[in-house]
Amino acid sequence: MFEKSSWIRLPRNVVVGHGVIDEVVPVTDELSLSGRPLLVTSPTPREVAGETIVADFEASGVDPAVVTVETASFESVETVIEAVEAEEADYLVGVGGGKAIDIAKMASDHCSMGFLSVPTAASHDGIVSNRGSVPEGDTRHSVAAEPPLAVVADTGILADAPWRLTTAGCADIISNYTAVMDWRLAHRLKNVEYSGFAGALSEMTAEILVDNADSVRPGLEEAAWIVTKALVSSGVAMSIADSSRPASGAEHLFSHQLDRLVPGAALHGHQVGVGSIMTAYLHGGERGFWLDIRDALDSIDAPTTAAELDIDDEIVVEALTTCHEIRDRYTILGDGMDEGAAREVAHKTGVIG
């Protein structure tokens, strides 16, 4: 008897394009969200988009509450949860980059209420996924949560975001290639459950970025459109799989270990991009697929070397040889790399000198 079942949670509405920041209130109406919204944002996104959204709510006769968070932490999540009760909020609107949206996502999950995702930078696929990421000490926790009810991504705002944030989002998406390779490997060797649909969708998002790398340029709304579509697709792939597997493999373990060894040295997306170059080499050896990843990253101005990450060569080698210990997730790194082998891979791929 066939007994398999799945419950896939996805956003009901995804609104992307020029000037769609003005659609936040209509989207809440379309979703039949009533009562008082609580905007969760951080200082710069509040100026860029939050104040406009507040004014639009007020013009519609709604009095929104606002909480501004400075850091991504579990303490910030608690602050938002407390604000929900104090302000008698009925739903949340996350406005900002990864920090504000992940905090809103986790708080909404705890409070069992819906939230809208309004990204101000195309820096990661958390704008639509069912997972939140919060650092704690020298560890970064990936926490399951509900995906947003809707995403409103204004390409005008996203195009004006700092270019390095956009390139970090691009690199994060391109790394889906190696994440899916690791997922398939774990399926073959460890019988880890694999979704062909989620895997194919995740790979497609990486292809979007690689195929359109020449079109991704600073200040172009068309570039913001391309990147946002890819980020949305990547987040949907994770929701379909009910796992971060479609977008997180050995390259993410490498990045998390760098966060432990040299906190704040580089952006997460840039670190996973460099990690993806090396793990693609491990998967394909001399066949050259890793060169396609490196060339795509270089084309969009994303780092491809330790020096461009502003990280010492020896730190890269240490991270590569120890990152398998971070979590129980089988990848191409298996039970760890020999230091000499790690140094050779990093050198052959040009990551270290």
Protein backbone atom coordinates (compact mmCIF):
# COMPACT_ATOMS: atom_id res chain seq x y z
CA MET A 1 0.00 0.00 0.00
CA PHE A 2 1.28 3.46 -0.91
CA GLU A 3 1.49 5.55 2.27
CA LYS A 4 3.74 8.46 1.34
CA SER A 5 2.41 11.96 2.02
CA SER A 6 3.74 15.49 1.93
CA TRP A 7 2.57 18.90 3.15
CA ILE A 8 4.13 21.70 1.11
CA ARG A 9 3.79 25.24 2.43
CA LEU A 10 4.38 28.01 -0.12
CA PRO A 11 3.66 31.75 -0.32
CA ARG A 12 0.20 32.51 -1.70
CA ASN A 13 1.36 35.62 -3.56
CA VAL A 14 4.72 36.71 -4.97
CA VAL A 15 4.72 40.28 -6.28
CA VAL A 16 7.91 41.39 -8.07
CA GLY A 17 8.60 44.48 -10.13
CA HIS A 18 9.07 48.21 -10.33
CA GLY A 19 7.23 50.22 -7.68
CA VAL A 20 5.46 47.26 -6.10
CA ILE A 21 6.31 48.58 -2.62
CA ASP A 22 2.95 50.33 -3.00
CA GLU A 23 1.25 46.94 -3.21
CA VAL A 24 1.95 45.86 0.39
CA VAL A 25 -1.41 47.09 1.72
CA PRO A 26 -3.42 45.70 -1.24
CA VAL A 27 -1.63 42.34 -0.76
CA THR A 28 -2.68 42.22 2.91
CA ASP A 29 -6.24 42.98 1.83
CA GLU A 30 -6.15 40.23 -0.80
CA LEU A 31 -4.93 37.81 1.88
CA SER A 32 -7.79 38.93 4.18
CA LEU A 33 -5.31 39.95 6.86
CA SER A 34 -7.08 42.19 9.31
CA GLY A 35 -6.13 43.94 12.51
CA ARG A 36 -2.84 45.56 13.39
CA PRO A 37 0.40 44.80 11.53
CA LEU A 38 3.78 44.85 13.25
CA LEU A 39 6.65 45.84 10.96
CA VAL A 40 9.94 44.15 11.79
CA THR A 41 12.84 46.03 10.25
CA SER A 42 16.34 47.40 10.84
CA PRO A 43 17.61 51.01 10.61
CA THR A 44 18.48 51.35 6.91
CA PRO A 45 15.57 49.28 5.52
CA ARG A 46 13.23 51.31 7.71
CA GLU A 47 14.32 54.46 5.87
CA VAL A 48 14.39 52.78 2.45
CA ALA A 49 10.99 51.06 2.57
CA GLY A 50 9.57 50.82 6.08
CA GLU A 51 8.42 54.42 6.37
CA THR A 52 6.64 54.20 3.01
CA ILE A 53 4.79 51.07 4.13
CA VAL A 54 3.83 52.69 7.45
CA ALA A 55 2.44 55.71 5.59
CA ASP A 56 0.45 53.47 3.24
CA PHE A 57 -1.08 51.57 6.15
CA GLU A 58 -1.97 54.83 7.91
CA ALA A 59 -3.59 56.16 4.72
CA SER A 60 -5.76 53.04 4.65
CA GLY A 61 -6.93 53.66 8.21
CA VAL A 62 -4.62 51.11 9.88
CA ASP A 63 -2.24 52.03 12.73
CA PRO A 64 0.85 49.83 12.30
CA ALA A 65 3.39 49.16 15.03
CA VAL A 66 7.12 49.06 14.26
CA VAL A 67 10.01 47.30 15.95
CA THR A 68 13.56 48.00 14.77
CA VAL A 69 16.18 45.30 15.40
CA GLU A 70 19.91 45.93 15.29
CA THR A 71 21.29 42.40 15.20
CA ALA A 72 20.28 38.92 14.05
CA SER A 73 19.96 36.96 17.29
CA PHE A 74 17.56 34.91 19.32
CA GLU A 75 17.30 37.91 21.65
CA SER A 76 15.95 39.93 18.72
CA VAL A 77 13.41 37.20 18.02
CA GLU A 78 12.30 37.42 21.67
CA THR A 79 12.05 41.20 21.35
CA VAL A 80 9.67 40.83 18.42
CA ILE A 81 7.61 38.17 20.22
CA GLU A 82 7.25 40.51 23.18
CA ALA A 83 6.29 43.38 20.85
CA VAL A 84 3.55 41.24 19.30
CA GLU A 85 1.88 40.97 22.70
CA ALA A 86 2.60 44.52 23.83
CA GLU A 87 1.35 46.09 20.58
CA GLU A 88 -1.53 43.61 20.19
CA ALA A 89 -0.36 42.82 16.67
CA ASP A 90 -2.25 40.43 14.42
CA TYR A 91 0.38 39.74 11.76
CA LEU A 92 3.99 40.64 10.91
CA VAL A 93 5.68 42.36 7.98
CA GLY A 94 9.41 41.73 7.67
CA VAL A 95 11.10 44.63 5.88
CA GLY A 96 14.81 44.42 5.12
CA GLY A 97 17.54 41.97 4.25
CA GLY A 98 18.14 38.55 5.73
CA LYS A 99 18.26 39.80 9.30
CA ALA A 100 14.82 41.39 9.58
CA ILE A 101 13.05 38.80 7.46
CA ASP A 102 14.50 35.79 9.30
CA ILE A 103 13.64 37.35 12.67
CA ALA A 104 10.09 38.11 11.53
CA LYS A 105 9.79 34.60 10.12
CA MET A 106 10.85 32.92 13.35
CA ALA A 107 8.73 35.20 15.54
CA SER A 108 5.66 34.64 13.37
CA ASP A 109 6.17 30.89 13.60
CA HIS A 110 6.39 31.10 17.40
CA CYS A 111 3.28 33.30 17.60
CA SER A 112 1.35 31.19 15.06
CA MET A 113 0.57 34.18 12.89
CA GLY A 114 1.25 35.01 9.25
CA PHE A 115 3.91 37.34 7.95
CA LEU A 116 4.77 39.17 4.74
CA SER A 117 8.30 39.30 3.35
CA VAL A 118 9.39 42.66 1.91
CA PRO A 119 13.09 42.38 0.95
CA THR A 120 15.19 45.50 0.45
CA ALA A 121 18.24 43.57 -0.79
CA ALA A 122 18.45 40.47 -2.99
CA SER A 123 21.05 38.95 -0.71
CA HIS A 124 19.69 35.47 0.13
CA ASP A 125 16.90 32.97 -0.57
CA GLY A 126 15.47 33.30 2.92
CA ILE A 127 13.08 35.93 1.56
CA VAL A 128 10.72 33.09 0.62
CA SER A 129 11.98 29.89 2.28
CA ASN A 130 10.64 28.02 5.29
CA ARG A 131 13.89 28.31 7.25
CA GLY A 132 15.47 31.03 9.36
CA SER A 133 19.17 31.44 10.11
CA VAL A 134 20.41 33.07 13.31
CA PRO A 135 23.96 33.15 14.72
CA GLU A 136 24.64 32.30 18.35
CA GLY A 137 28.21 32.62 19.56
CA ASP A 138 30.41 30.84 17.04
CA THR A 139 27.52 28.78 15.67
CA ARG A 140 24.81 29.56 13.14
CA HIS A 141 21.46 27.85 13.66
CA SER A 142 19.15 26.96 10.78
CA VAL A 143 15.64 26.82 12.19
CA ALA A 144 12.50 25.47 10.52
CA ALA A 145 9.68 28.01 10.29
CA GLU A 146 6.64 28.88 8.22
CA PRO A 147 7.30 30.54 4.83
CA PRO A 148 5.80 34.01 4.26
CA LEU A 149 2.19 34.34 3.19
CA ALA A 150 3.39 36.69 0.47
CA VAL A 151 6.54 38.28 -0.91
CA VAL A 152 6.61 41.86 -2.20
CA ALA A 153 9.93 42.58 -3.92
CA ASP A 154 10.35 46.04 -5.45
CA THR A 155 13.07 45.81 -8.10
CA GLY A 156 13.70 49.56 -7.89
CA ILE A 157 14.62 49.25 -4.23
CA LEU A 158 16.60 46.05 -4.80
CA ALA A 159 18.58 47.62 -7.66
CA ASP A 160 19.61 50.49 -5.38
CA ALA A 161 20.86 48.17 -2.63
CA PRO A 162 24.64 47.91 -2.11
CA TRP A 163 26.06 45.90 -5.01
CA ARG A 164 27.97 43.55 -2.75
CA LEU A 165 24.67 42.37 -1.23
CA THR A 166 23.31 41.51 -4.66
CA THR A 167 26.48 39.66 -5.64
CA ALA A 168 26.25 37.72 -2.37
CA GLY A 169 22.71 36.69 -3.30
CA CYS A 170 23.90 35.60 -6.73
CA ALA A 171 26.75 33.55 -5.29
CA ASP A 172 24.38 31.92 -2.80
CA ILE A 173 22.15 30.82 -5.68
CA ILE A 174 25.03 29.61 -7.88
CA SER A 175 26.15 27.39 -5.00
CA ASN A 176 22.88 25.43 -5.40
CA TYR A 177 24.74 23.43 -8.04
CA THR A 178 27.04 21.80 -5.51
CA ALA A 179 24.34 21.61 -2.83
CA VAL A 180 22.22 19.41 -5.11
CA MET A 181 25.28 17.32 -6.04
CA ASP A 182 25.86 16.66 -2.35
CA TRP A 183 22.19 15.86 -1.85
CA ARG A 184 22.22 13.27 -4.62
CA LEU A 185 25.44 11.79 -3.26
CA ALA A 186 23.90 11.48 0.21
CA HIS A 187 20.88 9.79 -1.37
CA ARG A 188 23.04 7.24 -3.17
CA LEU A 189 25.41 6.50 -0.32
CA LYS A 190 23.34 7.11 2.82
CA ASN A 191 19.78 6.65 1.53
CA VAL A 192 18.91 10.25 2.43
CA GLU A 193 15.46 11.12 1.08
CA TYR A 194 15.77 13.01 -2.19
CA SER A 195 13.18 15.03 -4.13
CA GLY A 196 13.86 15.07 -7.86
CA PHE A 197 11.45 17.99 -8.31
CA ALA A 198 13.10 20.13 -5.62
CA GLY A 199 16.56 19.20 -6.87
CA ALA A 200 15.73 20.11 -10.47
CA LEU A 201 14.14 23.40 -9.42
CA SER A 202 17.19 24.30 -7.33
CA GLU A 203 19.56 23.52 -10.21
CA MET A 204 17.41 25.61 -12.53
CA THR A 205 17.84 28.63 -10.27
CA ALA A 206 21.62 28.27 -10.46
CA GLU A 207 21.40 28.00 -14.24
CA ILE A 208 19.38 31.23 -14.37
CA LEU A 209 22.27 33.08 -12.73
CA VAL A 210 25.04 31.38 -14.70
CA ASP A 211 23.27 31.84 -18.05
CA ASN A 212 22.49 35.50 -17.31
CA ALA A 213 25.70 36.43 -15.48
CA ASP A 214 26.61 38.98 -18.16
CA SER A 215 23.30 40.80 -17.54
CA VAL A 216 23.74 41.10 -13.79
CA ARG A 217 25.20 44.57 -13.37
CA PRO A 218 25.01 47.26 -10.66
CA GLY A 219 21.97 49.53 -10.61
CA LEU A 220 19.98 47.63 -13.25
CA GLU A 221 16.42 46.71 -12.36
CA GLU A 222 16.57 43.92 -14.92
CA ALA A 223 19.41 42.39 -12.89
CA ALA A 224 17.37 42.72 -9.69
CA TRP A 225 14.49 40.99 -11.49
CA ILE A 226 16.69 38.06 -12.55
CA VAL A 227 18.24 37.61 -9.12
CA THR A 228 14.91 37.89 -7.29
CA LYS A 229 13.27 35.27 -9.51
CA ALA A 230 16.15 32.91 -8.75
CA LEU A 231 15.98 33.58 -5.01
CA VAL A 232 12.23 32.91 -4.98
CA SER A 233 12.68 29.64 -6.89
CA SER A 234 15.42 28.52 -4.51
CA GLY A 235 13.25 29.24 -1.47
CA VAL A 236 10.35 27.34 -3.04
CA ALA A 237 12.66 24.35 -3.65
CA MET A 238 13.47 24.24 0.06
CA SER A 239 9.79 24.40 0.96
CA ILE A 240 9.00 21.55 -1.44
CA ALA A 241 11.79 19.43 0.06
CA ASP A 242 10.94 20.59 3.60
CA SER A 243 14.70 20.83 4.01
CA SER A 244 17.57 23.19 3.27
CA ARG A 245 19.23 20.40 1.28
CA PRO A 246 18.41 21.90 -2.16
CA ALA A 247 20.47 24.96 -1.29
CA SER A 248 22.94 23.86 1.37
CA GLY A 249 25.75 21.35 1.07
CA ALA A 250 29.47 21.23 1.80
CA GLU A 251 29.90 24.80 0.54
CA HIS A 252 27.60 26.02 3.32
CA LEU A 253 29.44 23.96 5.93
CA PHE A 254 32.63 25.65 4.72
CA SER A 255 31.02 29.09 5.12
CA HIS A 256 29.69 28.28 8.59
CA GLN A 257 33.16 27.19 9.68
CA LEU A 258 34.65 30.43 8.36
CA ASP A 259 32.08 32.24 10.51
CA ARG A 260 33.48 30.40 13.51
CA LEU A 261 37.12 30.99 12.67
CA VAL A 262 36.90 34.60 11.41
CA PRO A 263 33.47 35.99 12.33
CA GLY A 264 32.25 38.76 10.06
CA ALA A 265 35.19 38.56 7.66
CA ALA A 266 32.98 38.22 4.57
CA LEU A 267 29.35 37.93 3.53
CA HIS A 268 27.74 34.50 3.74
CA GLY A 269 26.88 34.38 0.04
CA HIS A 270 30.43 35.23 -0.97
CA GLN A 271 31.84 32.53 1.31
CA VAL A 272 29.55 29.81 -0.06
CA GLY A 273 30.43 30.89 -3.59
CA VAL A 274 34.12 30.28 -2.96
CA GLY A 275 33.25 27.05 -1.17
CA SER A 276 31.25 25.96 -4.20
CA ILE A 277 34.27 26.35 -6.49
CA MET A 278 36.23 23.89 -4.38
CA THR A 279 33.43 21.40 -3.77
CA ALA A 280 32.55 21.41 -7.49
CA TYR A 281 36.18 20.48 -8.14
CA LEU A 282 35.86 17.60 -5.67
CA HIS A 283 32.74 16.38 -7.45
CA GLY A 284 34.08 16.79 -10.98
CA GLY A 285 37.85 16.77 -10.65
CA GLU A 286 39.60 17.92 -13.79
CA ARG A 287 36.46 17.95 -15.95
CA GLY A 288 36.14 21.68 -15.58
CA PHE A 289 32.64 22.24 -14.18
CA TRP A 290 34.18 24.16 -11.30
CA LEU A 291 35.59 26.58 -13.88
CA ASP A 292 32.07 27.47 -15.02
CA ILE A 293 31.15 28.33 -11.43
CA ARG A 294 34.30 30.37 -10.92
CA ASP A 295 33.80 32.24 -14.20
CA ALA A 296 30.17 33.03 -13.36
CA LEU A 297 31.13 34.34 -9.92
CA ASP A 298 33.91 36.43 -11.42
CA SER A 299 31.52 37.84 -14.04
CA ILE A 300 29.17 39.20 -11.37
CA ASP A 301 32.04 40.64 -9.29
CA ALA A 302 31.71 38.02 -6.55
CA PRO A 303 34.90 36.82 -4.82
CA THR A 304 36.62 33.70 -6.12
CA THR A 305 39.73 33.68 -3.90
CA ALA A 306 40.65 33.80 -0.23
CA ALA A 307 42.33 37.16 -0.82
CA GLU A 308 39.12 38.62 -2.26
CA LEU A 309 37.27 37.35 0.80
CA ASP A 310 39.97 39.05 2.89
CA ILE A 311 40.64 35.72 4.59
CA ASP A 312 44.05 34.15 5.11
CA ASP A 313 44.93 31.09 3.02
CA GLU A 314 45.57 28.98 6.11
CA ILE A 315 42.11 29.77 7.46
CA VAL A 316 40.59 28.46 4.23
CA VAL A 317 42.53 25.21 4.56
CA GLU A 318 41.55 24.86 8.22
CA ALA A 319 37.88 25.48 7.42
CA LEU A 320 37.93 22.95 4.59
CA THR A 321 39.44 20.23 6.78
CA THR A 322 37.18 20.76 9.80
CA CYS A 323 33.79 21.93 8.51
CA HIS A 324 32.40 18.38 8.15
CA GLU A 325 32.12 18.34 11.96
CA ILE A 326 29.54 21.16 12.06
CA ARG A 327 26.44 19.08 11.45
CA ASP A 328 25.36 15.54 10.68
CA ARG A 329 24.86 16.10 6.96
CA TYR A 330 26.64 13.86 4.49
CA THR A 331 28.46 15.73 1.70
CA ILE A 332 31.35 15.24 -0.69
CA LEU A 333 33.63 15.98 2.28
CA GLY A 334 32.58 12.71 3.92
CA ASP A 335 34.28 12.29 7.28
CA GLY A 336 36.81 15.03 6.57
CA MET A 337 39.65 16.01 4.25
CA ASP A 338 43.33 15.48 4.79
CA GLU A 339 45.13 18.81 5.17
CA GLY A 340 47.39 18.13 2.21
CA ALA A 341 44.41 17.23 0.01
CA ALA A 342 42.54 20.34 1.11
CA ARG A 343 45.52 22.54 0.36
CA GLU A 344 45.89 20.98 -3.09
CA VAL A 345 42.21 21.53 -3.97
CA ALA A 346 42.29 25.13 -2.78
CA HIS A 347 45.49 25.73 -4.74
CA LYS A 348 44.37 24.03 -7.98
CA THR A 349 41.14 26.00 -8.04
CA GLY A 350 43.02 29.24 -7.43
CA VAL A 351 41.28 29.92 -4.13
CA ILE A 352 44.67 30.17 -2.42
CA GLY A 353 48.00 31.13 -3.90
